[in-house]
Amino acid sequence: MIDKVTCCNCSICSKKGILNDRVSPDRFRLVAGGEFLGTYQFGTMVAKHHFCRVCGIHTFTRPRAAPELYTVNLRCLDDFDLENAKPEIVEFDGRN
């Protein structure tokens, strides 16, 4: 169950409307499409923003603030209904 998500104000997340759920590596599994992933980095080059090279959707990140974790973009999950789940949205200052 996803009950809390992060809304980051960095230039990438805010402009794309990304809502992130932080997960540990043992809870993250890419089941298909790895060959279609691209990676975008900027600024400090610590964060790794992964996206689909076919459709352009931002799928997940290895965040600068916690590079040992994954942040998954909930808005690209097929089986997650944001309207019904109504998770708490926590603001994160990724801009600074």
C-alpha atoms as a PDB file:
ATOM      1  CA  MET A   1       0.000   0.000   0.000  1.00  0.00           C
ATOM      2  CA  ILE A   2       1.308   3.431  -0.948  1.00  0.00           C
ATOM      3  CA  ASP A   3       0.190   5.962   1.632  1.00  0.00           C
ATOM      4  CA  LYS A   4       2.803   8.728   1.267  1.00  0.00           C
ATOM      5  CA  VAL A   5       4.417  10.167  -1.870  1.00  0.00           C
ATOM      6  CA  THR A   6       6.908  12.914  -2.575  1.00  0.00           C
ATOM      7  CA  CYS A   7       6.318  15.913  -4.795  1.00  0.00           C
ATOM      8  CA  CYS A   8       9.733  17.362  -5.657  1.00  0.00           C
ATOM      9  CA  ASN A   9      10.168  20.950  -6.876  1.00  0.00           C
ATOM     10  CA  CYS A  10      13.295  20.345  -8.978  1.00  0.00           C
ATOM     11  CA  SER A  11      13.063  21.405 -12.614  1.00  0.00           C
ATOM     12  CA  ILE A  12      12.480  17.856 -13.884  1.00  0.00           C
ATOM     13  CA  CYS A  13       9.855  16.671 -11.390  1.00  0.00           C
ATOM     14  CA  SER A  14       7.870  19.902 -11.194  1.00  0.00           C
ATOM     15  CA  LYS A  15       7.585  20.395 -14.951  1.00  0.00           C
ATOM     16  CA  LYS A  16       6.598  16.757 -15.524  1.00  0.00           C
ATOM     17  CA  GLY A  17       4.210  16.527 -12.566  1.00  0.00           C
ATOM     18  CA  ILE A  18       6.011  13.527 -11.131  1.00  0.00           C
ATOM     19  CA  LEU A  19       4.866  11.981  -7.855  1.00  0.00           C
ATOM     20  CA  ASN A  20       7.578   9.778  -6.371  1.00  0.00           C
ATOM     21  CA  ASP A  21       7.407   6.771  -4.104  1.00  0.00           C
ATOM     22  CA  ARG A  22      10.764   5.944  -2.534  1.00  0.00           C
ATOM     23  CA  VAL A  23      11.604   2.256  -2.429  1.00  0.00           C
ATOM     24  CA  SER A  24      14.637   0.281  -1.357  1.00  0.00           C
ATOM     25  CA  PRO A  25      16.487  -1.807  -3.964  1.00  0.00           C
ATOM     26  CA  ASP A  26      15.009  -5.024  -2.552  1.00  0.00           C
ATOM     27  CA  ARG A  27      11.494  -3.679  -3.293  1.00  0.00           C
ATOM     28  CA  PHE A  28      12.301  -2.520  -6.838  1.00  0.00           C
ATOM     29  CA  ARG A  29      12.138  -4.862  -9.811  1.00  0.00           C
ATOM     30  CA  LEU A  30      12.156  -3.803 -13.439  1.00  0.00           C
ATOM     31  CA  VAL A  31      10.097  -6.512 -15.120  1.00  0.00           C
ATOM     32  CA  ALA A  32      10.383  -5.482 -18.778  1.00  0.00           C
ATOM     33  CA  GLY A  33      11.676  -2.842 -21.151  1.00  0.00           C
ATOM     34  CA  GLY A  34      15.127  -2.265 -19.697  1.00  0.00           C
ATOM     35  CA  GLU A  35      16.574  -2.134 -23.205  1.00  0.00           C
ATOM     36  CA  PHE A  36      14.408   0.929 -23.925  1.00  0.00           C
ATOM     37  CA  LEU A  37      15.567   2.979 -20.914  1.00  0.00           C
ATOM     38  CA  GLY A  38      17.603   6.135 -21.230  1.00  0.00           C
ATOM     39  CA  THR A  39      19.219   8.109 -18.415  1.00  0.00           C
ATOM     40  CA  TYR A  40      19.292  11.870 -17.966  1.00  0.00           C
ATOM     41  CA  GLN A  41      21.597  13.658 -15.518  1.00  0.00           C
ATOM     42  CA  PHE A  42      22.148  17.332 -14.830  1.00  0.00           C
ATOM     43  CA  GLY A  43      23.598  19.672 -12.200  1.00  0.00           C
ATOM     44  CA  THR A  44      25.643  17.612  -9.749  1.00  0.00           C
ATOM     45  CA  MET A  45      25.243  14.502 -11.938  1.00  0.00           C
ATOM     46  CA  VAL A  46      24.415  12.411  -8.862  1.00  0.00           C
ATOM     47  CA  ALA A  47      20.741  11.757  -9.606  1.00  0.00           C
ATOM     48  CA  LYS A  48      19.953   9.380 -12.454  1.00  0.00           C
ATOM     49  CA  HIS A  49      16.589  10.104 -14.090  1.00  0.00           C
ATOM     50  CA  HIS A  50      15.515   7.076 -16.130  1.00  0.00           C
ATOM     51  CA  PHE A  51      13.008   7.436 -18.940  1.00  0.00           C
ATOM     52  CA  CYS A  52      11.576   5.407 -21.807  1.00  0.00           C
ATOM     53  CA  ARG A  53      13.427   6.224 -25.053  1.00  0.00           C
ATOM     54  CA  VAL A  54      10.326   5.204 -27.051  1.00  0.00           C
ATOM     55  CA  CYS A  55       7.534   7.222 -25.405  1.00  0.00           C
ATOM     56  CA  GLY A  56       9.553   9.636 -23.233  1.00  0.00           C
ATOM     57  CA  ILE A  57       7.824   8.913 -19.915  1.00  0.00           C
ATOM     58  CA  HIS A  58       9.933   9.412 -16.803  1.00  0.00           C
ATOM     59  CA  THR A  59       9.784   6.045 -15.038  1.00  0.00           C
ATOM     60  CA  PHE A  60      12.111   6.115 -12.026  1.00  0.00           C
ATOM     61  CA  THR A  61      15.115   7.851 -10.519  1.00  0.00           C
ATOM     62  CA  ARG A  62      18.122   7.107  -8.364  1.00  0.00           C
ATOM     63  CA  PRO A  63      17.733  10.388  -6.432  1.00  0.00           C
ATOM     64  CA  ARG A  64      20.483  12.791  -5.430  1.00  0.00           C
ATOM     65  CA  ALA A  65      19.136  13.022  -1.862  1.00  0.00           C
ATOM     66  CA  ALA A  66      19.176   9.222  -1.402  1.00  0.00           C
ATOM     67  CA  PRO A  67      21.089   7.546  -4.268  1.00  0.00           C
ATOM     68  CA  GLU A  68      20.849   4.151  -2.563  1.00  0.00           C
ATOM     69  CA  LEU A  69      17.064   4.182  -3.144  1.00  0.00           C
ATOM     70  CA  TYR A  70      14.771   4.300  -6.138  1.00  0.00           C
ATOM     71  CA  THR A  71      11.965   6.803  -6.590  1.00  0.00           C
ATOM     72  CA  VAL A  72       9.228   5.436  -8.797  1.00  0.00           C
ATOM     73  CA  ASN A  73       6.954   7.799 -10.719  1.00  0.00           C
ATOM     74  CA  LEU A  74       3.505   6.690  -9.575  1.00  0.00           C
ATOM     75  CA  ARG A  75       1.853   8.396 -12.514  1.00  0.00           C
ATOM     76  CA  CYS A  76       3.314   5.844 -14.910  1.00  0.00           C
ATOM     77  CA  LEU A  77       2.197   2.736 -13.014  1.00  0.00           C
ATOM     78  CA  ASP A  78      -0.622   0.851 -14.731  1.00  0.00           C
ATOM     79  CA  ASP A  79      -2.072  -0.628 -11.522  1.00  0.00           C
ATOM     80  CA  PHE A  80      -2.025   2.416  -9.237  1.00  0.00           C
ATOM     81  CA  ASP A  81      -5.140   4.579  -8.962  1.00  0.00           C
ATOM     82  CA  LEU A  82      -4.024   7.912  -7.511  1.00  0.00           C
ATOM     83  CA  GLU A  83      -7.593   9.198  -7.209  1.00  0.00           C
ATOM     84  CA  ASN A  84      -8.721   6.283  -5.035  1.00  0.00           C
ATOM     85  CA  ALA A  85      -5.493   5.843  -3.064  1.00  0.00           C
ATOM     86  CA  LYS A  86      -5.316   9.519  -2.008  1.00  0.00           C
ATOM     87  CA  PRO A  87      -1.816   9.241  -0.513  1.00  0.00           C
ATOM     88  CA  GLU A  88      -0.370  11.993   1.652  1.00  0.00           C
ATOM     89  CA  ILE A  89       1.718  14.259  -0.584  1.00  0.00           C
ATOM     90  CA  VAL A  90       4.956  15.451   1.031  1.00  0.00           C
ATOM     91  CA  GLU A  91       6.742  18.416  -0.539  1.00  0.00           C
ATOM     92  CA  PHE A  92      10.482  17.945  -1.147  1.00  0.00           C
ATOM     93  CA  ASP A  93      12.841  20.830  -1.925  1.00  0.00           C
ATOM     94  CA  GLY A  94      14.924  19.261  -4.686  1.00  0.00           C
ATOM     95  CA  ARG A  95      15.536  22.652  -6.273  1.00  0.00           C
ATOM     96  CA  ASN A  96      17.891  23.658  -3.459  1.00  0.00           C
END
